[in-house]
Protein backbone atom coordinates (compact mmCIF):
# COMPACT_ATOMS: atom_id res chain seq x y z
CA UNK A 1 0.00 0.00 0.00
CA UNK A 2 2.00 2.99 -1.31
CA UNK A 3 5.27 1.46 -0.08
CA UNK A 4 4.21 1.64 3.58
CA UNK A 5 4.87 -1.46 5.66
CA UNK A 6 3.21 -2.50 8.93
CA UNK A 7 5.33 -0.60 11.50
CA UNK A 8 5.31 2.59 9.41
CA UNK A 9 1.51 2.42 9.06
CA UNK A 10 1.12 1.93 12.82
CA UNK A 11 3.39 4.94 13.47
CA UNK A 12 1.37 7.10 11.04
CA UNK A 13 -1.86 5.98 12.71
CA UNK A 14 -0.56 6.96 16.17
CA UNK A 15 0.63 10.36 14.90
CA UNK A 16 -2.76 10.90 13.24
CA UNK A 17 -4.56 10.09 16.49
CA UNK A 18 -2.38 12.56 18.38
CA UNK A 19 -2.86 15.35 15.81
CA UNK A 20 -6.62 14.87 15.36
CA UNK A 21 -7.31 14.17 19.00
CA UNK A 22 -9.95 11.96 20.60
CA UNK A 23 -12.68 14.60 20.43
CA UNK A 24 -12.64 14.94 16.59
CA UNK A 25 -11.75 11.31 15.82
CA UNK A 26 -15.37 10.04 15.30
CA UNK A 27 -16.08 12.94 12.93
CA UNK A 28 -13.02 12.19 10.78
CA UNK A 29 -13.64 8.43 10.72
CA UNK A 30 -17.20 9.11 9.51
CA UNK A 31 -15.83 11.40 6.76
CA UNK A 32 -13.31 8.72 5.73
CA UNK A 33 -16.06 6.08 5.60
CA UNK A 34 -18.22 8.38 3.45
CA UNK A 35 -15.33 9.02 1.05
CA UNK A 36 -14.67 5.27 0.68
CA UNK A 37 -18.38 4.59 0.02
CA UNK A 38 -18.51 7.39 -2.57
CA UNK A 39 -15.42 6.07 -4.39
CA UNK A 40 -16.92 2.56 -4.48
CA UNK A 41 -20.21 3.93 -5.79
CA UNK A 42 -18.40 5.89 -8.52
CA UNK A 43 -16.36 2.84 -9.55
CA UNK A 44 -19.49 0.71 -9.73
CA UNK A 45 -21.27 3.38 -11.76
CA UNK A 46 -18.36 3.63 -14.20
CA UNK A 47 -18.35 -0.15 -14.61
CA UNK A 48 -22.08 -0.18 -15.32
CA UNK A 49 -21.76 2.74 -17.77
CA UNK A 50 -19.00 0.95 -19.69
CA UNK A 51 -21.12 -2.21 -19.77
CA UNK A 52 -24.11 -0.25 -21.15
CA UNK A 53 -22.13 1.68 -23.77
CA UNK A 54 -19.81 -1.04 -24.98
CA UNK A 55 -22.14 -3.96 -24.42
CA UNK A 56 -19.58 -6.26 -22.83
CA UNK A 57 -18.53 -6.98 -19.28
CA UNK A 58 -14.95 -6.02 -18.46
CA UNK A 59 -14.40 -9.37 -16.74
CA UNK A 60 -15.34 -11.22 -19.96
CA UNK A 61 -12.75 -9.42 -22.14
CA UNK A 62 -9.83 -11.54 -23.35
CA UNK A 63 -7.00 -9.08 -22.65
CA UNK A 64 -4.38 -11.36 -24.24
CA UNK A 65 -5.98 -10.61 -27.60
CA UNK A 66 -5.12 -6.91 -27.18
CA UNK A 67 -1.53 -7.45 -26.03
CA UNK A 68 0.75 -5.51 -28.40
CA UNK A 69 3.59 -7.96 -27.81
CA UNK A 70 1.78 -10.53 -29.95
CA UNK A 71 2.48 -8.36 -33.01
CA UNK A 72 6.25 -8.67 -32.78
CA UNK A 73 7.45 -8.81 -36.41
CA UNK A 74 10.30 -11.18 -35.56
CA UNK A 75 7.88 -13.69 -34.05
CA UNK A 76 5.47 -13.40 -36.98
CA UNK A 77 8.24 -13.99 -39.55
CA UNK A 78 9.68 -16.87 -37.54
CA UNK A 79 6.29 -18.56 -37.34
CA UNK A 80 5.70 -18.02 -41.06
CA UNK A 81 9.08 -19.50 -41.99
CA UNK A 82 8.69 -22.49 -39.70
CA UNK A 83 5.16 -23.19 -40.93
CA UNK A 84 5.44 -26.34 -43.10
CA UNK A 85 1.84 -26.29 -44.25
CA UNK A 86 1.36 -24.83 -47.73
CA UNK A 87 -2.11 -23.94 -48.87
CA UNK A 88 -3.30 -24.90 -52.36
CA UNK A 89 -3.74 -22.11 -54.88
CA UNK A 90 -7.10 -21.87 -56.63
CA UNK A 91 -7.31 -22.15 -60.41
CA UNK A 92 -8.51 -18.57 -60.79
CA UNK A 93 -5.57 -17.05 -58.90
CA UNK A 94 -3.35 -14.47 -60.65
CA UNK A 95 -0.15 -15.68 -62.24
CA UNK A 96 2.03 -14.00 -59.59
CA UNK A 97 0.28 -15.92 -56.83
CA UNK A 98 0.65 -19.16 -58.75
CA UNK A 99 4.37 -18.44 -59.27
CA UNK A 100 4.87 -17.81 -55.56
CA UNK A 101 2.98 -21.00 -54.74
CA UNK A 102 5.14 -22.93 -57.19
CA UNK A 103 8.30 -21.48 -55.67
CA UNK A 104 7.19 -22.38 -52.16
CA UNK A 105 6.29 -25.88 -53.32
CA UNK A 106 9.74 -26.23 -54.89
CA UNK A 107 11.34 -25.08 -51.66
CA UNK A 108 9.33 -27.69 -49.77
CA UNK A 109 10.87 -30.45 -51.90
CA UNK A 110 8.05 -30.92 -54.37
CA UNK A 111 8.72 -30.14 -58.01
CA UNK A 112 5.70 -28.55 -59.72
CA UNK A 113 5.19 -28.64 -63.46
CA UNK A 114 7.27 -25.76 -64.74
CA UNK A 115 6.80 -24.00 -68.06
CA UNK A 116 9.67 -22.03 -69.50
CA UNK A 117 9.03 -19.59 -72.29
CA UNK A 118 11.96 -19.25 -74.65
CA UNK A 119 12.54 -16.50 -77.16
CA UNK A 120 12.95 -17.47 -80.79
CA UNK A 121 16.54 -17.58 -82.03
CA UNK A 122 17.92 -14.18 -82.91
CA UNK A 123 15.25 -12.17 -81.04
CA UNK A 124 16.78 -9.82 -78.46
CA UNK A 125 15.62 -9.96 -74.88
CA UNK A 126 13.13 -7.29 -73.86
CA UNK A 127 14.82 -4.20 -72.45
CA UNK A 128 13.28 -1.47 -70.32
CA UNK A 129 15.27 1.76 -70.45
CA UNK A 130 13.40 3.19 -67.45
CA UNK A 131 14.20 0.22 -65.22
CA UNK A 132 17.62 1.49 -64.17
């Protein structure tokens, strides 16, 4: 409790009793009890207001789902690289996706049917002057 241990709390209590005095002690204990009740009422009201506005109970929230440490890029990449399961590519997928799937299948030890397009003899390779 605020870094105060047992003997320190007892010493503070005795000093408080001496400063307040026995005549005003019941008045101050009643004020302290009222403050504690008010704080509890406010906390309960805030909890109910959150439940009404959000529609969920705070105790039912899975806080691990909102932990930012789960989005560590190193962990995500490591899991993706160690994942042995490859998903099949649909027939209507773009050519780039099919190429990536074929490359991942080749890396996994399977050899997919590969088509190589060759240029006719004497035709120069395509050149893009804006590429460099």
